[in-house]
Amino acid sequence: MFSHQLTRRQLLLRSGLGVGLVSAAVGCRGLSQSRAIAQSVKVPDVPPTPTGKYPYDPMAVLRDFDYGQVIQENGRLLRQFEVTARSTPVKLNAAITFMTWSLNGRVPAPTLRAKAGERLRIIFHNEDATSHSLHFHGTHPASMDGVKPVRRGKTFIYEFDAEPYGVHPYHCHIAPVTHHIGKGLYGLLIIDPPVERPPADELVLVMGGYDLKKQDKNDIYAFNGIPNFYRDRPIEIYQHQLVRLYLLNMIEFDAAVTFHIHANMFQVYPTGRTLTPSEETDVITMGPAERHILEFTYHYPGMYMFHPHQDQIAERGCMGHFKVLPV
């Protein structure tokens, strides 16, 4: 276990990544679960967002799960991820470009995914001009809690077991935390349960806000970093097919927000910590960092809104549509 900061050069010399320390490495873009789902779930063929307007594709973020790289070390399999903090300009609308603090150039950060009980290693490079850290929700030793700053040009390696299963946010924990999160340093760690969930079209939606005037108040809101993106480019899903939505609220400064889908109900799996739903509803309330798995199926084709039921938040960028395609 590594417990101190390293430069990138020191990391390469010390770990021998790809040479000595990694005795057997294979690229792993999915678990057995994802391969099974790919065979039984029909996902719309969505063209990529035209390049140039955004530093990343919000449409790809919906279904992009980073399974890292599986390596063998000292006789044990380990799942390794690598993320880099940088300042990234993001065009929020025709008039406003905002300088985010991002991981791997996107807001939210990559959705990391593993299975319960696996050993995780997250290599965090800070190439930004200010100190950052990564704090993971879930269970881990104090030395891996991510409350100590990783300074500019340094690398820190977080290593712990993937537990418990569920949906866990991760974010920068350097004061003022609201500022670091508000500028985009947050993402999801999904730990799949030992018993696989039923096949579904899986989506990630992370709600965030932007304090443009530095007044501890959000001026613009967004799903997956870009205001109104899914309003203007609806999320295509198929009629009669189960949708599994990993939903996270990372809006700072607002005490709570709701999430609502039109013309349907969803099953709620609180924090992703259950294999059976706790309730059925069409609107749920979440405080900052609260997250759930929501499952639903649309039986009628057409266009359906989703948004917070605080209308002022929805009208300032946190608005989207599901476009249900006939089968």
C-alpha atoms as a PDB file:
ATOM      1  CA  MET A   1       0.000   0.000   0.000  1.00  0.00           C
ATOM      2  CA  PHE A   2       1.263   3.446  -0.913  1.00  0.00           C
ATOM      3  CA  SER A   3       0.667   6.180   1.638  1.00  0.00           C
ATOM      4  CA  HIS A   4       2.615   9.196   0.431  1.00  0.00           C
ATOM      5  CA  GLN A   5       2.781  11.551  -2.484  1.00  0.00           C
ATOM      6  CA  LEU A   6       4.900  10.798  -5.516  1.00  0.00           C
ATOM      7  CA  THR A   7       5.802  12.623  -8.681  1.00  0.00           C
ATOM      8  CA  ARG A   8       4.807  10.848 -11.904  1.00  0.00           C
ATOM      9  CA  ARG A   9       8.465   9.977 -12.570  1.00  0.00           C
ATOM     10  CA  GLN A  10       8.900   8.564  -9.055  1.00  0.00           C
ATOM     11  CA  LEU A  11       5.739   6.534  -9.497  1.00  0.00           C
ATOM     12  CA  LEU A  12       6.980   4.950 -12.712  1.00  0.00           C
ATOM     13  CA  LEU A  13      10.409   4.204 -11.279  1.00  0.00           C
ATOM     14  CA  ARG A  14       9.039   2.784  -8.053  1.00  0.00           C
ATOM     15  CA  SER A  15       6.166   0.706  -9.333  1.00  0.00           C
ATOM     16  CA  GLY A  16       7.524  -0.387 -12.695  1.00  0.00           C
ATOM     17  CA  LEU A  17       3.999  -0.194 -14.069  1.00  0.00           C
ATOM     18  CA  GLY A  18       3.707  -2.513 -17.002  1.00  0.00           C
ATOM     19  CA  VAL A  19       7.076  -4.189 -16.193  1.00  0.00           C
ATOM     20  CA  GLY A  20       8.056  -5.553 -12.772  1.00  0.00           C
ATOM     21  CA  LEU A  21       5.279  -4.817 -10.319  1.00  0.00           C
ATOM     22  CA  VAL A  22       2.587  -5.847 -12.762  1.00  0.00           C
ATOM     23  CA  SER A  23       3.198  -9.519 -13.339  1.00  0.00           C
ATOM     24  CA  ALA A  24       0.118 -10.056 -15.465  1.00  0.00           C
ATOM     25  CA  ALA A  25      -1.878  -7.208 -16.940  1.00  0.00           C
ATOM     26  CA  VAL A  26      -4.818  -7.352 -19.243  1.00  0.00           C
ATOM     27  CA  GLY A  27      -7.030  -4.545 -20.522  1.00  0.00           C
ATOM     28  CA  CYS A  28     -10.423  -5.019 -18.941  1.00  0.00           C
ATOM     29  CA  ARG A  29     -13.238  -2.793 -20.178  1.00  0.00           C
ATOM     30  CA  GLY A  30     -15.939  -4.803 -18.460  1.00  0.00           C
ATOM     31  CA  LEU A  31     -16.850  -7.500 -15.993  1.00  0.00           C
ATOM     32  CA  SER A  32     -18.659 -10.715 -16.862  1.00  0.00           C
ATOM     33  CA  GLN A  33     -21.850  -8.888 -15.938  1.00  0.00           C
ATOM     34  CA  SER A  34     -21.339  -6.242 -18.625  1.00  0.00           C
ATOM     35  CA  ARG A  35     -20.685  -8.898 -21.252  1.00  0.00           C
ATOM     36  CA  ALA A  36     -23.905 -10.688 -20.324  1.00  0.00           C
ATOM     37  CA  ILE A  37     -25.876  -7.459 -20.397  1.00  0.00           C
ATOM     38  CA  ALA A  38     -24.450  -6.526 -23.793  1.00  0.00           C
ATOM     39  CA  GLN A  39     -25.902  -9.739 -25.201  1.00  0.00           C
ATOM     40  CA  SER A  40     -29.408  -9.243 -23.815  1.00  0.00           C
ATOM     41  CA  VAL A  41     -29.987  -5.477 -23.802  1.00  0.00           C
ATOM     42  CA  LYS A  42     -30.651  -3.367 -26.856  1.00  0.00           C
ATOM     43  CA  VAL A  43     -28.955   0.029 -26.683  1.00  0.00           C
ATOM     44  CA  PRO A  44     -29.766   2.720 -29.280  1.00  0.00           C
ATOM     45  CA  ASP A  45     -26.987   3.534 -31.737  1.00  0.00           C
ATOM     46  CA  VAL A  46     -26.434   7.169 -30.772  1.00  0.00           C
ATOM     47  CA  PRO A  47     -24.071   9.238 -32.941  1.00  0.00           C
ATOM     48  CA  PRO A  48     -21.302  11.062 -31.046  1.00  0.00           C
ATOM     49  CA  THR A  49     -21.683  14.713 -30.166  1.00  0.00           C
ATOM     50  CA  PRO A  50     -19.908  16.901 -32.756  1.00  0.00           C
ATOM     51  CA  THR A  51     -16.381  17.659 -31.618  1.00  0.00           C
ATOM     52  CA  GLY A  52     -15.207  21.141 -30.779  1.00  0.00           C
ATOM     53  CA  LYS A  53     -18.099  22.424 -28.688  1.00  0.00           C
ATOM     54  CA  TYR A  54     -17.355  20.417 -25.516  1.00  0.00           C
ATOM     55  CA  PRO A  55     -14.128  18.887 -24.126  1.00  0.00           C
ATOM     56  CA  TYR A  56     -16.021  15.589 -23.672  1.00  0.00           C
ATOM     57  CA  ASP A  57     -19.197  14.002 -25.014  1.00  0.00           C
ATOM     58  CA  PRO A  58     -22.065  14.178 -22.467  1.00  0.00           C
ATOM     59  CA  MET A  59     -23.967  11.585 -24.478  1.00  0.00           C
ATOM     60  CA  ALA A  60     -21.086   9.121 -24.062  1.00  0.00           C
ATOM     61  CA  VAL A  61     -20.873   9.884 -20.324  1.00  0.00           C
ATOM     62  CA  LEU A  62     -24.337   8.337 -19.896  1.00  0.00           C
ATOM     63  CA  ARG A  63     -23.183   4.785 -20.615  1.00  0.00           C
ATOM     64  CA  ASP A  64     -19.416   5.064 -20.094  1.00  0.00           C
ATOM     65  CA  PHE A  65     -18.279   2.795 -17.237  1.00  0.00           C
ATOM     66  CA  ASP A  66     -14.559   2.660 -16.489  1.00  0.00           C
ATOM     67  CA  TYR A  67     -13.628  -0.854 -15.362  1.00  0.00           C
ATOM     68  CA  GLY A  68      -9.953   0.038 -15.164  1.00  0.00           C
ATOM     69  CA  GLN A  69      -7.248  -2.518 -15.754  1.00  0.00           C
ATOM     70  CA  VAL A  70      -6.988  -5.883 -14.052  1.00  0.00           C
ATOM     71  CA  ILE A  71      -3.476  -6.764 -12.958  1.00  0.00           C
ATOM     72  CA  GLN A  72      -1.969  -9.526 -10.862  1.00  0.00           C
ATOM     73  CA  GLU A  73       0.317  -8.524  -8.025  1.00  0.00           C
ATOM     74  CA  ASN A  74       1.769 -10.775  -5.340  1.00  0.00           C
ATOM     75  CA  GLY A  75      -0.642 -13.513  -6.301  1.00  0.00           C
ATOM     76  CA  ARG A  76      -3.736 -11.333  -6.017  1.00  0.00           C
ATOM     77  CA  LEU A  77      -5.890  -9.735  -8.686  1.00  0.00           C
ATOM     78  CA  LEU A  78      -6.217  -5.981  -8.415  1.00  0.00           C
ATOM     79  CA  ARG A  79      -8.330  -3.494 -10.374  1.00  0.00           C
ATOM     80  CA  GLN A  80      -6.388  -0.332 -11.184  1.00  0.00           C
ATOM     81  CA  PHE A  81      -7.633   3.068 -12.323  1.00  0.00           C
ATOM     82  CA  GLU A  82      -5.762   6.249 -13.248  1.00  0.00           C
ATOM     83  CA  VAL A  83      -7.175   9.774 -13.113  1.00  0.00           C
ATOM     84  CA  THR A  84      -5.622  13.200 -13.574  1.00  0.00           C
ATOM     85  CA  ALA A  85      -6.847  16.541 -12.200  1.00  0.00           C
ATOM     86  CA  ARG A  86      -6.595  19.534 -14.520  1.00  0.00           C
ATOM     87  CA  SER A  87      -8.313  22.835 -15.214  1.00  0.00           C
ATOM     88  CA  THR A  88     -10.647  22.391 -18.192  1.00  0.00           C
ATOM     89  CA  PRO A  89     -12.737  25.116 -19.846  1.00  0.00           C
ATOM     90  CA  VAL A  90     -16.333  24.009 -20.453  1.00  0.00           C
ATOM     91  CA  LYS A  91     -18.803  25.939 -22.585  1.00  0.00           C
ATOM     92  CA  LEU A  92     -21.983  26.021 -20.483  1.00  0.00           C
ATOM     93  CA  ASN A  93     -24.039  27.930 -23.029  1.00  0.00           C
ATOM     94  CA  ALA A  94     -23.576  30.326 -25.944  1.00  0.00           C
ATOM     95  CA  ALA A  95     -22.418  33.130 -23.622  1.00  0.00           C
ATOM     96  CA  ILE A  96     -20.593  31.429 -20.730  1.00  0.00           C
ATOM     97  CA  THR A  97     -17.408  29.381 -20.629  1.00  0.00           C
ATOM     98  CA  PHE A  98     -16.524  28.139 -17.154  1.00  0.00           C
ATOM     99  CA  MET A  99     -13.100  26.936 -15.995  1.00  0.00           C
ATOM    100  CA  THR A 100     -13.796  23.618 -14.300  1.00  0.00           C
ATOM    101  CA  TRP A 101     -11.530  21.493 -12.137  1.00  0.00           C
ATOM    102  CA  SER A 102     -11.933  18.131 -13.784  1.00  0.00           C
ATOM    103  CA  LEU A 103     -10.700  14.556 -13.701  1.00  0.00           C
ATOM    104  CA  ASN A 104      -9.609  13.245 -17.100  1.00  0.00           C
ATOM    105  CA  GLY A 105     -11.075  16.344 -18.707  1.00  0.00           C
ATOM    106  CA  ARG A 106     -14.743  15.739 -17.890  1.00  0.00           C
ATOM    107  CA  VAL A 107     -17.494  16.677 -15.420  1.00  0.00           C
ATOM    108  CA  PRO A 108     -18.553  14.450 -13.789  1.00  0.00           C
ATOM    109  CA  ALA A 109     -15.343  12.467 -13.382  1.00  0.00           C
ATOM    110  CA  PRO A 110     -15.131   8.935 -14.841  1.00  0.00           C
ATOM    111  CA  THR A 111     -17.647   6.456 -13.468  1.00  0.00           C
ATOM    112  CA  LEU A 112     -15.392   3.829 -11.895  1.00  0.00           C
ATOM    113  CA  ARG A 113     -16.833   0.344 -11.646  1.00  0.00           C
ATOM    114  CA  ALA A 114     -15.790  -2.804  -9.808  1.00  0.00           C
ATOM    115  CA  LYS A 115     -17.250  -5.800  -8.020  1.00  0.00           C
ATOM    116  CA  ALA A 116     -17.658  -6.213  -4.278  1.00  0.00           C
ATOM    117  CA  GLY A 117     -14.554  -7.640  -2.606  1.00  0.00           C
ATOM    118  CA  GLU A 118     -12.073  -6.682  -5.301  1.00  0.00           C
ATOM    119  CA  ARG A 119      -8.909  -4.778  -4.399  1.00  0.00           C
ATOM    120  CA  LEU A 120      -8.926  -1.280  -5.913  1.00  0.00           C
ATOM    121  CA  ARG A 121      -6.025   0.997  -6.709  1.00  0.00           C
ATOM    122  CA  ILE A 122      -6.712   4.529  -7.914  1.00  0.00           C
ATOM    123  CA  ILE A 123      -3.634   6.407  -9.134  1.00  0.00           C
ATOM    124  CA  PHE A 124      -4.360  10.108  -8.766  1.00  0.00           C
ATOM    125  CA  HIS A 125      -2.159  12.643 -10.562  1.00  0.00           C
ATOM    126  CA  ASN A 126      -2.642  16.306  -9.697  1.00  0.00           C
ATOM    127  CA  GLU A 127      -1.581  18.409 -12.672  1.00  0.00           C
ATOM    128  CA  ASP A 128      -3.682  21.388 -11.630  1.00  0.00           C
ATOM    129  CA  ALA A 129      -2.370  24.630 -10.171  1.00  0.00           C
ATOM    130  CA  THR A 130      -3.891  24.012  -6.733  1.00  0.00           C
ATOM    131  CA  SER A 131      -4.002  21.121  -4.269  1.00  0.00           C
ATOM    132  CA  HIS A 132      -6.719  18.486  -4.612  1.00  0.00           C
ATOM    133  CA  SER A 133      -7.602  15.067  -3.201  1.00  0.00           C
ATOM    134  CA  LEU A 134     -10.024  12.188  -3.755  1.00  0.00           C
ATOM    135  CA  HIS A 135     -12.359  11.164  -0.952  1.00  0.00           C
ATOM    136  CA  PHE A 136     -14.330   7.974  -1.635  1.00  0.00           C
ATOM    137  CA  HIS A 137     -17.552   7.162   0.149  1.00  0.00           C
ATOM    138  CA  GLY A 138     -17.681   3.583   1.390  1.00  0.00           C
ATOM    139  CA  THR A 139     -15.392   1.652   3.735  1.00  0.00           C
ATOM    140  CA  HIS A 140     -11.595   2.049   3.834  1.00  0.00           C
ATOM    141  CA  PRO A 141      -8.669   2.742   6.222  1.00  0.00           C
ATOM    142  CA  ALA A 142      -8.102   6.275   7.533  1.00  0.00           C
ATOM    143  CA  SER A 143      -4.918   6.580   5.473  1.00  0.00           C
ATOM    144  CA  MET A 144      -7.029   6.229   2.314  1.00  0.00           C
ATOM    145  CA  ASP A 145      -9.721   8.728   3.300  1.00  0.00           C
ATOM    146  CA  GLY A 146      -8.593  11.457   0.903  1.00  0.00           C
ATOM    147  CA  VAL A 147      -8.685  14.437   3.244  1.00  0.00           C
ATOM    148  CA  LYS A 148      -4.991  15.308   2.892  1.00  0.00           C
ATOM    149  CA  PRO A 149      -3.971  17.580   0.008  1.00  0.00           C
ATOM    150  CA  VAL A 150      -2.117  16.232  -2.996  1.00  0.00           C
ATOM    151  CA  ARG A 151      -0.045  19.158  -4.171  1.00  0.00           C
ATOM    152  CA  ARG A 152       0.584  20.327  -7.708  1.00  0.00           C
ATOM    153  CA  GLY A 153       2.708  17.911  -9.708  1.00  0.00           C
ATOM    154  CA  LYS A 154       2.341  15.097  -7.163  1.00  0.00           C
ATOM    155  CA  THR A 155       0.738  11.661  -7.346  1.00  0.00           C
ATOM    156  CA  PHE A 156      -1.085   9.785  -4.616  1.00  0.00           C
ATOM    157  CA  ILE A 157      -2.224   6.177  -4.777  1.00  0.00           C
ATOM    158  CA  TYR A 158      -5.465   5.248  -3.024  1.00  0.00           C
ATOM    159  CA  GLU A 159      -5.760   1.525  -2.384  1.00  0.00           C
ATOM    160  CA  PHE A 160      -8.560  -0.314  -0.573  1.00  0.00           C
ATOM    161  CA  ASP A 161     -11.068  -3.130  -0.919  1.00  0.00           C
ATOM    162  CA  ALA A 162     -14.295  -2.507  -2.820  1.00  0.00           C
ATOM    163  CA  GLU A 163     -16.876  -2.508  -0.051  1.00  0.00           C
ATOM    164  CA  PRO A 164     -19.731  -2.361   0.535  1.00  0.00           C
ATOM    165  CA  TYR A 165     -21.554  -2.880  -2.739  1.00  0.00           C
ATOM    166  CA  GLY A 166     -23.631   0.091  -3.817  1.00  0.00           C
ATOM    167  CA  VAL A 167     -23.329   3.494  -5.437  1.00  0.00           C
ATOM    168  CA  HIS A 168     -20.637   5.676  -3.878  1.00  0.00           C
ATOM    169  CA  PRO A 169     -19.672   9.234  -4.826  1.00  0.00           C
ATOM    170  CA  TYR A 170     -16.076  10.370  -4.800  1.00  0.00           C
ATOM    171  CA  HIS A 171     -14.933  13.975  -4.742  1.00  0.00           C
ATOM    172  CA  CYS A 172     -12.224  16.420  -3.758  1.00  0.00           C
ATOM    173  CA  HIS A 173     -12.136  17.111  -0.014  1.00  0.00           C
ATOM    174  CA  ILE A 174      -9.864  20.157   0.126  1.00  0.00           C
ATOM    175  CA  ALA A 175     -11.287  23.276   1.774  1.00  0.00           C
ATOM    176  CA  PRO A 176     -13.370  25.041   0.761  1.00  0.00           C
ATOM    177  CA  VAL A 177     -14.938  21.745  -0.301  1.00  0.00           C
ATOM    178  CA  THR A 178     -17.997  23.465  -1.770  1.00  0.00           C
ATOM    179  CA  HIS A 179     -15.707  25.334  -4.158  1.00  0.00           C
ATOM    180  CA  HIS A 180     -13.771  22.252  -5.285  1.00  0.00           C
ATOM    181  CA  ILE A 181     -16.953  20.229  -5.801  1.00  0.00           C
ATOM    182  CA  GLY A 182     -18.747  23.176  -7.387  1.00  0.00           C
ATOM    183  CA  LYS A 183     -16.012  23.433 -10.011  1.00  0.00           C
ATOM    184  CA  GLY A 184     -16.466  19.796 -11.018  1.00  0.00           C
ATOM    185  CA  LEU A 185     -14.284  17.451  -8.959  1.00  0.00           C
ATOM    186  CA  TYR A 186     -16.767  14.645  -8.334  1.00  0.00           C
ATOM    187  CA  GLY A 187     -17.812  11.316  -9.789  1.00  0.00           C
ATOM    188  CA  LEU A 188     -19.284   7.886  -9.049  1.00  0.00           C
ATOM    189  CA  LEU A 189     -17.781   4.600  -7.894  1.00  0.00           C
ATOM    190  CA  ILE A 190     -20.208   1.767  -8.600  1.00  0.00           C
ATOM    191  CA  ILE A 191     -19.523  -1.455  -6.705  1.00  0.00           C
ATOM    192  CA  ASP A 192     -21.629  -4.261  -8.126  1.00  0.00           C
ATOM    193  CA  PRO A 193     -23.080  -6.805  -5.692  1.00  0.00           C
ATOM    194  CA  PRO A 194     -21.942 -10.439  -5.625  1.00  0.00           C
ATOM    195  CA  VAL A 195     -25.335 -11.407  -7.080  1.00  0.00           C
ATOM    196  CA  GLU A 196     -25.737  -9.734 -10.448  1.00  0.00           C
ATOM    197  CA  ARG A 197     -28.655  -7.417 -11.014  1.00  0.00           C
ATOM    198  CA  PRO A 198     -31.015  -8.204 -13.915  1.00  0.00           C
ATOM    199  CA  PRO A 199     -29.917  -6.999 -17.366  1.00  0.00           C
ATOM    200  CA  ALA A 200     -30.883  -3.388 -18.104  1.00  0.00           C
ATOM    201  CA  ASP A 201     -29.944  -0.371 -20.180  1.00  0.00           C
ATOM    202  CA  GLU A 202     -27.743   1.366 -17.585  1.00  0.00           C
ATOM    203  CA  LEU A 203     -27.411   5.157 -17.429  1.00  0.00           C
ATOM    204  CA  VAL A 204     -25.556   7.626 -15.196  1.00  0.00           C
ATOM    205  CA  LEU A 205     -26.978  11.053 -14.348  1.00  0.00           C
ATOM    206  CA  VAL A 206     -25.131  13.349 -11.946  1.00  0.00           C
ATOM    207  CA  MET A 207     -26.761  16.628 -10.940  1.00  0.00           C
ATOM    208  CA  GLY A 208     -24.419  19.573 -10.377  1.00  0.00           C
ATOM    209  CA  GLY A 209     -24.511  23.345 -10.013  1.00  0.00           C
ATOM    210  CA  TYR A 210     -22.235  26.228 -11.020  1.00  0.00           C
ATOM    211  CA  ASP A 211     -21.622  29.261  -8.775  1.00  0.00           C
ATOM    212  CA  LEU A 212     -20.538  31.689 -11.488  1.00  0.00           C
ATOM    213  CA  LYS A 213     -20.417  34.814  -9.306  1.00  0.00           C
ATOM    214  CA  LYS A 214     -18.663  33.256  -6.273  1.00  0.00           C
ATOM    215  CA  GLN A 215     -21.543  34.197  -3.993  1.00  0.00           C
ATOM    216  CA  ASP A 216     -22.149  30.700  -2.537  1.00  0.00           C
ATOM    217  CA  LYS A 217     -25.217  30.401  -4.726  1.00  0.00           C
ATOM    218  CA  ASN A 218     -25.701  28.432  -7.919  1.00  0.00           C
ATOM    219  CA  ASP A 219     -26.511  30.323 -11.087  1.00  0.00           C
ATOM    220  CA  ILE A 220     -26.692  27.386 -13.517  1.00  0.00           C
ATOM    221  CA  TYR A 221     -27.439  23.688 -13.041  1.00  0.00           C
ATOM    222  CA  ALA A 222     -26.763  20.638 -15.160  1.00  0.00           C
ATOM    223  CA  PHE A 223     -27.012  16.917 -15.637  1.00  0.00           C
ATOM    224  CA  ASN A 224     -23.563  15.474 -16.395  1.00  0.00           C
ATOM    225  CA  GLY A 225     -21.871  18.848 -16.521  1.00  0.00           C
ATOM    226  CA  ILE A 226     -23.569  20.595 -19.453  1.00  0.00           C
ATOM    227  CA  PRO A 227     -26.760  22.637 -18.834  1.00  0.00           C
ATOM    228  CA  ASN A 228     -29.774  21.587 -20.914  1.00  0.00           C
ATOM    229  CA  PHE A 229     -27.746  19.105 -22.944  1.00  0.00           C
ATOM    230  CA  TYR A 230     -30.305  16.292 -22.639  1.00  0.00           C
ATOM    231  CA  ARG A 231     -33.129  18.745 -23.209  1.00  0.00           C
ATOM    232  CA  ASP A 232     -31.670  19.555 -26.610  1.00  0.00           C
ATOM    233  CA  ARG A 233     -30.359  16.033 -27.308  1.00  0.00           C
ATOM    234  CA  PRO A 234     -32.823  13.612 -25.695  1.00  0.00           C
ATOM    235  CA  ILE A 235     -31.618  10.327 -24.227  1.00  0.00           C
ATOM    236  CA  GLU A 236     -32.846   7.514 -26.440  1.00  0.00           C
ATOM    237  CA  ILE A 237     -34.118   4.364 -24.761  1.00  0.00           C
ATOM    238  CA  TYR A 238     -36.284   1.515 -26.001  1.00  0.00           C
ATOM    239  CA  GLN A 239     -39.919   0.822 -25.247  1.00  0.00           C
ATOM    240  CA  HIS A 240     -40.580  -2.123 -22.853  1.00  0.00           C
ATOM    241  CA  GLN A 241     -36.910  -2.345 -21.824  1.00  0.00           C
ATOM    242  CA  LEU A 242     -35.705  -2.016 -18.242  1.00  0.00           C
ATOM    243  CA  VAL A 243     -33.667   1.126 -17.588  1.00  0.00           C
ATOM    244  CA  ARG A 244     -31.343   1.243 -14.583  1.00  0.00           C
ATOM    245  CA  LEU A 245     -30.434   4.800 -13.657  1.00  0.00           C
ATOM    246  CA  TYR A 246     -27.528   5.563 -11.335  1.00  0.00           C
ATOM    247  CA  LEU A 247     -28.514   8.973  -9.982  1.00  0.00           C
ATOM    248  CA  LEU A 248     -26.287  11.236  -7.848  1.00  0.00           C
ATOM    249  CA  ASN A 249     -26.958  14.698  -6.437  1.00  0.00           C
ATOM    250  CA  MET A 250     -23.726  16.729  -6.195  1.00  0.00           C
ATOM    251  CA  ILE A 251     -25.346  20.174  -6.121  1.00  0.00           C
ATOM    252  CA  GLU A 252     -23.702  22.363  -3.496  1.00  0.00           C
ATOM    253  CA  PHE A 253     -25.449  25.285  -1.710  1.00  0.00           C
ATOM    254  CA  ASP A 254     -28.974  23.846  -2.209  1.00  0.00           C
ATOM    255  CA  ALA A 255     -30.150  21.913   0.845  1.00  0.00           C
ATOM    256  CA  ALA A 256     -32.029  19.337  -1.211  1.00  0.00           C
ATOM    257  CA  VAL A 257     -33.313  18.721  -4.710  1.00  0.00           C
ATOM    258  CA  THR A 258     -35.843  16.356  -6.190  1.00  0.00           C
ATOM    259  CA  PHE A 259     -35.772  14.177  -9.298  1.00  0.00           C
ATOM    260  CA  HIS A 260     -38.927  13.487 -11.272  1.00  0.00           C
ATOM    261  CA  ILE A 261     -39.761  11.602 -14.457  1.00  0.00           C
ATOM    262  CA  HIS A 262     -42.902  12.256 -16.481  1.00  0.00           C
ATOM    263  CA  ALA A 263     -45.681   9.776 -17.241  1.00  0.00           C
ATOM    264  CA  ASN A 264     -44.088   6.900 -15.347  1.00  0.00           C
ATOM    265  CA  MET A 265     -43.035   5.507 -11.976  1.00  0.00           C
ATOM    266  CA  PHE A 266     -39.678   4.141 -10.854  1.00  0.00           C
ATOM    267  CA  GLN A 267     -38.468   1.606  -8.321  1.00  0.00           C
ATOM    268  CA  VAL A 268     -36.023   3.013  -5.739  1.00  0.00           C
ATOM    269  CA  TYR A 269     -32.929   1.150  -4.489  1.00  0.00           C
ATOM    270  CA  PRO A 270     -31.518   3.520  -1.803  1.00  0.00           C
ATOM    271  CA  THR A 271     -27.762   4.076  -2.185  1.00  0.00           C
ATOM    272  CA  GLY A 272     -27.750   0.979  -4.396  1.00  0.00           C
ATOM    273  CA  ARG A 273     -27.439  -1.035  -1.185  1.00  0.00           C
ATOM    274  CA  THR A 274     -30.359  -3.378  -1.784  1.00  0.00           C
ATOM    275  CA  LEU A 275     -31.345  -5.952  -4.374  1.00  0.00           C
ATOM    276  CA  THR A 276     -35.035  -5.268  -3.827  1.00  0.00           C
ATOM    277  CA  PRO A 277     -36.671  -1.836  -4.152  1.00  0.00           C
ATOM    278  CA  SER A 278     -37.833   0.096  -1.115  1.00  0.00           C
ATOM    279  CA  GLU A 279     -40.625   2.034  -2.816  1.00  0.00           C
ATOM    280  CA  GLU A 280     -42.240   3.018  -6.091  1.00  0.00           C
ATOM    281  CA  THR A 281     -42.732   6.687  -6.900  1.00  0.00           C
ATOM    282  CA  ASP A 282     -42.215   9.283  -9.621  1.00  0.00           C
ATOM    283  CA  VAL A 283     -40.336  11.876  -7.539  1.00  0.00           C
ATOM    284  CA  ILE A 284     -37.588  11.469  -4.953  1.00  0.00           C
ATOM    285  CA  THR A 285     -35.824  13.983  -2.697  1.00  0.00           C
ATOM    286  CA  MET A 286     -32.056  13.920  -2.203  1.00  0.00           C
ATOM    287  CA  GLY A 287     -29.629  16.005  -0.167  1.00  0.00           C
ATOM    288  CA  PRO A 288     -26.063  16.677  -1.375  1.00  0.00           C
ATOM    289  CA  ALA A 289     -24.124  13.446  -2.073  1.00  0.00           C
ATOM    290  CA  GLU A 290     -27.268  11.307  -1.810  1.00  0.00           C
ATOM    291  CA  ARG A 291     -27.595   8.747  -4.569  1.00  0.00           C
ATOM    292  CA  HIS A 292     -29.878   5.928  -5.594  1.00  0.00           C
ATOM    293  CA  ILE A 293     -30.511   3.358  -8.264  1.00  0.00           C
ATOM    294  CA  LEU A 294     -33.812   3.966 -10.031  1.00  0.00           C
ATOM    295  CA  GLU A 295     -35.365   1.365 -12.325  1.00  0.00           C
ATOM    296  CA  PHE A 296     -38.217   1.938 -14.761  1.00  0.00           C
ATOM    297  CA  THR A 297     -39.695   0.845 -18.083  1.00  0.00           C
ATOM    298  CA  TYR A 298     -41.625   2.990 -20.542  1.00  0.00           C
ATOM    299  CA  HIS A 299     -44.505   1.211 -22.277  1.00  0.00           C
ATOM    300  CA  TYR A 300     -45.434   3.979 -24.712  1.00  0.00           C
ATOM    301  CA  PRO A 301     -43.147   5.574 -27.323  1.00  0.00           C
ATOM    302  CA  GLY A 302     -42.666   9.324 -27.261  1.00  0.00           C
ATOM    303  CA  MET A 303     -40.808  12.163 -25.556  1.00  0.00           C
ATOM    304  CA  TYR A 304     -40.839  12.403 -21.756  1.00  0.00           C
ATOM    305  CA  MET A 305     -39.284  15.046 -19.493  1.00  0.00           C
ATOM    306  CA  PHE A 306     -37.106  14.429 -16.439  1.00  0.00           C
ATOM    307  CA  HIS A 307     -35.981  17.183 -14.073  1.00  0.00           C
ATOM    308  CA  PRO A 308     -35.869  18.376 -10.446  1.00  0.00           C
ATOM    309  CA  HIS A 309     -39.294  19.487  -9.268  1.00  0.00           C
ATOM    310  CA  GLN A 310     -37.786  22.755  -8.055  1.00  0.00           C
ATOM    311  CA  ASP A 311     -38.745  24.553 -11.259  1.00  0.00           C
ATOM    312  CA  GLN A 312     -36.150  27.299 -10.875  1.00  0.00           C
ATOM    313  CA  ILE A 313     -33.425  24.628 -10.916  1.00  0.00           C
ATOM    314  CA  ALA A 314     -34.916  22.849 -13.912  1.00  0.00           C
ATOM    315  CA  GLU A 315     -35.316  26.108 -15.816  1.00  0.00           C
ATOM    316  CA  ARG A 316     -31.672  27.023 -15.204  1.00  0.00           C
ATOM    317  CA  GLY A 317     -30.233  23.995 -16.942  1.00  0.00           C
ATOM    318  CA  CYS A 318     -31.240  20.822 -15.087  1.00  0.00           C
ATOM    319  CA  MET A 319     -33.711  19.597 -17.679  1.00  0.00           C
ATOM    320  CA  GLY A 320     -33.749  16.595 -19.983  1.00  0.00           C
ATOM    321  CA  HIS A 321     -35.882  14.267 -22.077  1.00  0.00           C
ATOM    322  CA  PHE A 322     -36.118  10.536 -22.578  1.00  0.00           C
ATOM    323  CA  LYS A 323     -36.979   9.688 -26.171  1.00  0.00           C
ATOM    324  CA  VAL A 324     -38.657   6.289 -26.048  1.00  0.00           C
ATOM    325  CA  LEU A 325     -38.204   4.415 -29.307  1.00  0.00           C
ATOM    326  CA  PRO A 326     -40.722   1.793 -30.457  1.00  0.00           C
ATOM    327  CA  VAL A 327     -39.483  -1.777 -30.661  1.00  0.00           C
END
